[in-house]
Amino acid sequence: MTGPTGKRAFVMTGATSGLGAVAAARIAAQPATLSIVGARSTHPDAPAGAEVLPLDLASLDDVRGFANAVLQRTEASGIDVLVLNAGAQFRNADERSADGFELTFAVNHLAHYLLARVLLPAVADGGRIVVTTSDTHDPKIFRSGPKKLDVEGWAHPPNGSSSGFRAYAASKACNLMTARSLAALDEVEQRHITVIAYNPGLTGGTSLARAQPRAIQVALRATKPVFWFLSRFRGQFSMHTPEQSGEVLSQLALGSETPPAARVYASLVKGEITYPDPSELAQSDEACDQLWRESAKMVGLTCRQ
């Protein structure tokens, strides 16, 4: 599909490092493509051919400014594919965003929820929305995954009450649940927009651990043999390269890989794309609806707006 400009328009966050950089480069290299990426500044690692617009996911005002700039830039073409890939993980849940929310929750969930809500009307009929999640959301795979919905607790945890990994797992559950809510919207179904929540699995060479102390970063690198051993028994512990994970992300965005009917969750396991059930919490329509409503209030939108 191409818009009136003759180009397919892609909008992406998290495009300057790790698997996102790989996917963004694949997308930007496609012929007749308008590729727009959000980054904190004019990023030297932005893919060749992509346009960079300023975006700080830790500020809802900045997210709105980016969304408005995207709408102006794609007014003639519309948005064919929206890829919400950026993610952050911190050593604990004590840091706060510009709006006072726990930083992991703000960057990984609220910012992307707001982008999806504001940009959805501009997504073309038959377009795609891809949200990067993680199998850390599932307590059956990782113990830190949330079993119950606690939106307020995730948004405003008392200092010292939650680990950085638990906050990350909760934010990834929010990403998956938001994708399910988007896919269930009448507008999305009527306009045949495909919504995918993508789990790239354990991926080396990403910037997720950049906020961790150096000792932890070294320890994480040292555990690779452990994950290799565990992966022989549980495929979810297999380690992927950014090239492997990014290639699948680009396939989902470009449409060369499509989920089966009624499937939203795509998970990379041992280099193969699968479509499993998400966690029990993420399968709950009631929980998804509650997250949608409470997130709308936090970003200043109505549920239907």
Protein backbone atom coordinates (compact mmCIF):
# COMPACT_ATOMS: atom_id res chain seq x y z
CA MET A 1 0.00 0.00 0.00
CA THR A 2 1.19 3.52 -0.79
CA GLY A 3 -0.35 6.88 0.04
CA PRO A 4 -1.09 9.81 -2.28
CA THR A 5 2.61 10.71 -2.27
CA GLY A 6 3.49 7.34 -3.77
CA LYS A 7 5.49 6.41 -0.67
CA ARG A 8 4.76 4.07 2.23
CA ALA A 9 5.12 6.02 5.48
CA PHE A 10 6.71 4.31 8.48
CA VAL A 11 6.91 5.91 11.92
CA MET A 12 9.12 4.29 14.54
CA THR A 13 10.47 4.75 18.06
CA GLY A 14 13.54 2.92 19.34
CA ALA A 15 15.25 3.00 15.95
CA THR A 16 18.79 4.05 16.86
CA SER A 17 20.24 1.03 18.67
CA GLY A 18 19.95 -2.72 19.06
CA LEU A 19 17.28 -4.64 17.21
CA GLY A 20 15.39 -1.42 16.46
CA ALA A 21 18.33 -0.03 14.50
CA VAL A 22 18.47 -3.24 12.46
CA ALA A 23 14.74 -3.10 11.70
CA ALA A 24 14.81 0.63 10.94
CA ALA A 25 17.67 0.17 8.47
CA ARG A 26 15.75 -2.60 6.68
CA ILE A 27 12.65 -0.41 6.50
CA ALA A 28 14.44 2.74 5.38
CA ALA A 29 16.17 0.78 2.60
CA GLN A 30 12.85 -0.17 1.00
CA PRO A 31 12.00 1.67 -2.22
CA ALA A 32 9.37 4.42 -2.13
CA THR A 33 9.52 4.69 1.66
CA LEU A 34 9.11 7.68 3.96
CA SER A 35 10.74 6.62 7.22
CA ILE A 36 10.33 8.83 10.30
CA VAL A 37 12.04 7.97 13.59
CA GLY A 38 11.80 9.63 16.98
CA ALA A 39 14.99 10.24 18.96
CA ARG A 40 16.08 12.55 21.75
CA SER A 41 18.11 14.64 19.29
CA THR A 42 19.51 14.43 15.78
CA HIS A 43 20.96 11.01 16.42
CA PRO A 44 24.18 10.02 14.62
CA ASP A 45 23.07 6.38 14.55
CA ALA A 46 19.75 7.03 12.82
CA PRO A 47 19.34 4.80 9.75
CA ALA A 48 20.39 6.28 6.43
CA GLY A 49 17.43 7.72 4.61
CA ALA A 50 15.30 8.19 7.70
CA GLU A 51 14.04 11.53 8.95
CA VAL A 52 14.65 12.15 12.65
CA LEU A 53 12.15 14.10 14.75
CA PRO A 54 12.94 15.01 18.37
CA LEU A 55 11.27 12.81 20.96
CA ASP A 56 11.78 12.36 24.70
CA LEU A 57 9.53 9.53 25.83
CA ALA A 58 9.94 10.60 29.47
CA SER A 59 7.80 13.70 28.84
CA LEU A 60 4.16 13.49 27.75
CA ASP A 61 4.36 17.05 26.39
CA ASP A 62 7.29 15.99 24.24
CA VAL A 63 5.38 12.92 23.08
CA ARG A 64 2.47 15.13 22.03
CA GLY A 65 4.86 17.45 20.19
CA PHE A 66 6.37 14.51 18.31
CA ALA A 67 2.93 13.17 17.44
CA ASN A 68 1.83 16.55 16.10
CA ALA A 69 5.02 16.84 14.03
CA VAL A 70 4.39 13.35 12.61
CA LEU A 71 0.79 14.26 11.74
CA GLN A 72 1.97 17.36 9.90
CA ARG A 73 4.70 15.45 8.07
CA THR A 74 2.35 12.62 7.01
CA GLU A 75 -0.73 14.76 6.32
CA ALA A 76 -0.69 13.86 2.62
CA SER A 77 0.44 10.25 2.92
CA GLY A 78 -1.04 9.00 6.16
CA ILE A 79 0.87 6.43 8.22
CA ASP A 80 1.16 2.96 6.74
CA VAL A 81 3.05 1.40 9.65
CA LEU A 82 3.55 2.58 13.24
CA VAL A 83 6.32 0.74 15.11
CA LEU A 84 6.43 1.40 18.88
CA ASN A 85 9.71 -0.27 19.74
CA ALA A 86 11.58 1.91 22.24
CA GLY A 87 12.14 0.50 25.70
CA ALA A 88 14.13 1.23 28.82
CA GLN A 89 15.06 -0.67 31.96
CA PHE A 90 16.44 0.85 35.15
CA ARG A 91 18.18 -0.50 38.24
CA ASN A 92 15.13 0.20 40.41
CA ALA A 93 11.71 1.82 40.26
CA ASP A 94 12.70 5.00 42.09
CA GLU A 95 13.22 7.30 39.09
CA ARG A 96 10.36 9.52 37.89
CA SER A 97 9.38 11.00 34.55
CA ALA A 98 8.80 14.68 33.86
CA ASP A 99 5.13 14.07 34.72
CA GLY A 100 5.84 12.26 38.00
CA PHE A 101 5.25 8.67 36.87
CA GLU A 102 7.67 5.80 37.52
CA LEU A 103 10.12 6.14 34.66
CA THR A 104 9.92 2.63 33.21
CA PHE A 105 6.12 2.76 33.17
CA ALA A 106 6.18 6.25 31.65
CA VAL A 107 8.68 5.51 28.87
CA ASN A 108 7.69 1.98 27.93
CA HIS A 109 3.92 2.19 28.38
CA LEU A 110 2.36 5.65 28.78
CA ALA A 111 4.38 7.33 26.02
CA HIS A 112 3.54 4.59 23.53
CA TYR A 113 -0.08 4.40 24.64
CA LEU A 114 -0.39 8.14 23.97
CA LEU A 115 1.34 7.86 20.58
CA ALA A 116 -0.95 5.02 19.55
CA ARG A 117 -4.06 6.93 20.58
CA VAL A 118 -3.08 10.21 18.90
CA LEU A 119 -1.70 8.67 15.70
CA LEU A 120 -4.33 5.95 15.18
CA PRO A 121 -6.67 8.17 13.11
CA ALA A 122 -3.79 8.80 10.69
CA VAL A 123 -2.97 5.11 10.25
CA ALA A 124 -4.07 4.08 6.76
CA ASP A 125 -6.77 1.50 6.13
CA GLY A 126 -5.03 -1.85 5.97
CA GLY A 127 -2.04 -0.43 7.87
CA ARG A 128 -0.08 -1.93 10.75
CA ILE A 129 0.78 -1.12 14.35
CA VAL A 130 3.63 -3.13 15.89
CA VAL A 131 4.35 -2.81 19.62
CA THR A 132 7.47 -4.41 21.08
CA THR A 133 6.71 -6.34 24.26
CA SER A 134 8.63 -9.08 26.10
CA ASP A 135 7.99 -12.54 27.46
CA THR A 136 9.14 -11.17 30.82
CA HIS A 137 5.47 -10.13 31.11
CA ASP A 138 4.50 -13.76 31.78
CA PRO A 139 5.07 -15.05 35.35
CA LYS A 140 5.01 -18.63 34.02
CA ILE A 141 8.24 -17.84 32.18
CA PHE A 142 9.82 -15.15 34.39
CA ARG A 143 8.81 -14.95 38.04
CA SER A 144 8.89 -11.15 37.97
CA GLY A 145 5.99 -11.00 35.52
CA PRO A 146 2.84 -9.47 37.05
CA LYS A 147 -0.03 -11.76 38.05
CA LYS A 148 -2.47 -8.96 38.88
CA LEU A 149 -3.20 -5.55 37.42
CA ASP A 150 -1.92 -2.66 39.56
CA VAL A 151 -1.89 0.39 37.30
CA GLU A 152 -1.66 2.92 40.11
CA GLY A 153 1.03 0.93 41.88
CA TRP A 154 3.08 0.64 38.68
CA ALA A 155 2.68 4.34 37.94
CA HIS A 156 3.45 5.58 41.47
CA PRO A 157 5.35 2.93 43.46
CA PRO A 158 6.80 3.98 46.83
CA ASN A 159 10.56 4.40 46.64
CA GLY A 160 12.38 1.16 47.28
CA SER A 161 9.23 -0.94 46.85
CA SER A 162 9.94 -2.49 43.47
CA SER A 163 12.92 -3.75 41.53
CA GLY A 164 13.80 -2.39 38.10
CA PHE A 165 13.18 -5.78 36.52
CA ARG A 166 9.68 -6.05 38.00
CA ALA A 167 8.89 -2.56 36.73
CA TYR A 168 10.15 -3.56 33.29
CA ALA A 169 8.08 -6.76 33.23
CA ALA A 170 4.96 -4.81 34.25
CA SER A 171 5.53 -2.22 31.52
CA LYS A 172 5.87 -4.99 28.94
CA ALA A 173 2.59 -6.49 30.13
CA CYS A 174 1.07 -3.06 29.57
CA ASN A 175 2.45 -2.98 26.02
CA LEU A 176 0.85 -6.33 25.23
CA MET A 177 -2.46 -5.44 26.84
CA THR A 178 -2.56 -2.12 25.00
CA ALA A 179 -2.00 -3.97 21.72
CA ARG A 180 -4.92 -6.28 22.52
CA SER A 181 -7.15 -3.30 23.33
CA LEU A 182 -6.16 -1.56 20.09
CA ALA A 183 -6.88 -4.69 18.06
CA ALA A 184 -10.37 -4.92 19.61
CA LEU A 185 -11.38 -1.36 18.68
CA ASP A 186 -14.25 -1.13 16.18
CA GLU A 187 -12.27 1.42 14.17
CA VAL A 188 -9.29 -0.91 13.89
CA GLU A 189 -11.41 -3.88 12.85
CA GLN A 190 -13.47 -1.88 10.36
CA ARG A 191 -10.38 -0.36 8.75
CA HIS A 192 -8.54 -3.71 8.69
CA ILE A 193 -5.56 -2.42 10.66
CA THR A 194 -3.28 -5.22 11.86
CA VAL A 195 -2.01 -4.89 15.44
CA ILE A 196 0.93 -7.01 16.60
CA ALA A 197 2.66 -7.26 19.98
CA TYR A 198 6.17 -8.58 19.27
CA ASN A 199 8.42 -10.33 21.77
CA PRO A 200 11.98 -10.49 20.38
CA GLY A 201 13.08 -12.80 23.18
CA LEU A 202 16.41 -12.48 24.92
CA THR A 203 18.53 -10.32 22.65
CA GLY A 204 22.17 -9.44 23.18
CA GLY A 205 23.75 -6.15 22.19
CA THR A 206 20.80 -3.95 23.17
CA SER A 207 20.94 -0.78 25.26
CA LEU A 208 18.40 -1.99 27.85
CA ALA A 209 21.05 -2.51 30.51
CA ARG A 210 22.70 0.88 30.02
CA ALA A 211 21.18 2.24 33.26
CA GLN A 212 22.45 -0.67 35.31
CA PRO A 213 25.63 -0.41 37.42
CA ARG A 214 28.75 -1.60 35.60
CA ALA A 215 29.02 -4.63 37.87
CA ILE A 216 25.56 -5.78 36.82
CA GLN A 217 26.33 -5.18 33.15
CA VAL A 218 29.41 -7.37 33.49
CA ALA A 219 27.39 -10.02 35.32
CA LEU A 220 24.75 -10.03 32.57
CA ARG A 221 27.42 -10.65 29.95
CA ALA A 222 28.84 -13.46 32.07
CA THR A 223 25.46 -15.23 32.27
CA LYS A 224 25.28 -15.92 28.52
CA PRO A 225 26.55 -19.50 28.98
CA VAL A 226 23.85 -20.02 31.62
CA PHE A 227 21.14 -18.90 29.20
CA TRP A 228 22.62 -21.16 26.53
CA PHE A 229 22.33 -24.12 28.90
CA LEU A 230 18.78 -23.21 29.97
CA SER A 231 17.72 -22.77 26.33
CA ARG A 232 18.34 -26.48 25.76
CA PHE A 233 15.35 -27.14 28.02
CA ARG A 234 13.26 -23.98 27.59
CA GLY A 235 13.32 -22.22 24.24
CA GLN A 236 12.37 -18.88 25.81
CA PHE A 237 15.91 -18.63 27.22
CA SER A 238 17.61 -18.86 23.83
CA MET A 239 19.68 -15.79 23.04
CA HIS A 240 19.18 -13.91 19.76
CA THR A 241 21.39 -11.39 18.06
CA PRO A 242 20.05 -7.89 17.28
CA GLU A 243 20.19 -8.90 13.61
CA GLN A 244 17.90 -11.90 14.20
CA SER A 245 15.40 -10.03 16.37
CA GLY A 246 15.50 -6.90 14.22
CA GLU A 247 14.98 -8.84 11.01
CA VAL A 248 11.75 -10.34 12.39
CA LEU A 249 10.60 -6.91 13.59
CA SER A 250 11.11 -5.55 10.07
CA GLN A 251 9.20 -8.50 8.59
CA LEU A 252 6.24 -7.84 10.89
CA ALA A 253 6.34 -4.14 10.03
CA LEU A 254 6.75 -4.60 6.28
CA GLY A 255 4.02 -7.24 6.12
CA SER A 256 6.12 -10.17 4.92
CA GLU A 257 5.17 -11.91 8.17
CA THR A 258 1.50 -11.85 9.23
CA PRO A 259 -0.09 -13.35 12.35
CA PRO A 260 -2.83 -15.97 12.02
CA ALA A 261 -6.38 -14.70 12.33
CA ALA A 262 -7.31 -13.41 15.82
CA ARG A 263 -3.68 -13.60 17.00
CA VAL A 264 -1.96 -10.47 18.33
CA TYR A 265 1.06 -11.84 20.22
CA ALA A 266 4.12 -12.82 18.15
CA SER A 267 7.08 -14.36 20.00
CA LEU A 268 10.56 -15.17 18.68
CA VAL A 269 11.75 -18.49 20.11
CA LYS A 270 15.04 -20.06 19.01
CA GLY A 271 15.02 -17.89 15.92
CA GLU A 272 11.51 -18.96 14.88
CA ILE A 273 8.43 -16.74 14.99
CA THR A 274 5.59 -18.28 17.02
CA TYR A 275 2.12 -17.09 18.03
CA PRO A 276 1.49 -18.34 21.59
CA ASP A 277 -1.04 -17.25 24.17
CA PRO A 278 0.19 -14.36 26.34
CA SER A 279 0.03 -14.45 30.13
CA GLU A 280 -3.29 -15.00 31.89
CA LEU A 281 -3.34 -11.34 32.93
CA ALA A 282 -2.79 -10.16 29.36
CA GLN A 283 -5.60 -12.44 28.15
CA SER A 284 -8.09 -10.80 30.53
CA ASP A 285 -10.41 -8.46 28.60
CA GLU A 286 -11.49 -6.87 31.88
CA ALA A 287 -7.88 -6.10 32.84
CA CYS A 288 -7.12 -4.74 29.36
CA ASP A 289 -10.15 -2.46 29.54
CA GLN A 290 -9.17 -1.19 32.99
CA LEU A 291 -5.60 -0.48 31.87
CA TRP A 292 -6.94 1.40 28.84
CA ARG A 293 -9.24 3.55 30.97
CA GLU A 294 -6.69 4.36 33.67
CA SER A 295 -3.96 5.09 31.12
CA ALA A 296 -6.30 7.47 29.30
CA LYS A 297 -6.77 9.47 32.49
CA MET A 298 -3.04 9.58 33.15
CA VAL A 299 -2.23 11.00 29.70
CA GLY A 300 -5.23 13.37 29.65
CA LEU A 301 -7.46 11.61 27.11
CA THR A 302 -10.98 10.27 27.30
CA CYS A 303 -11.47 6.56 26.74
CA ARG A 304 -13.00 7.14 23.31
CA GLN A 305 -11.00 10.21 22.28
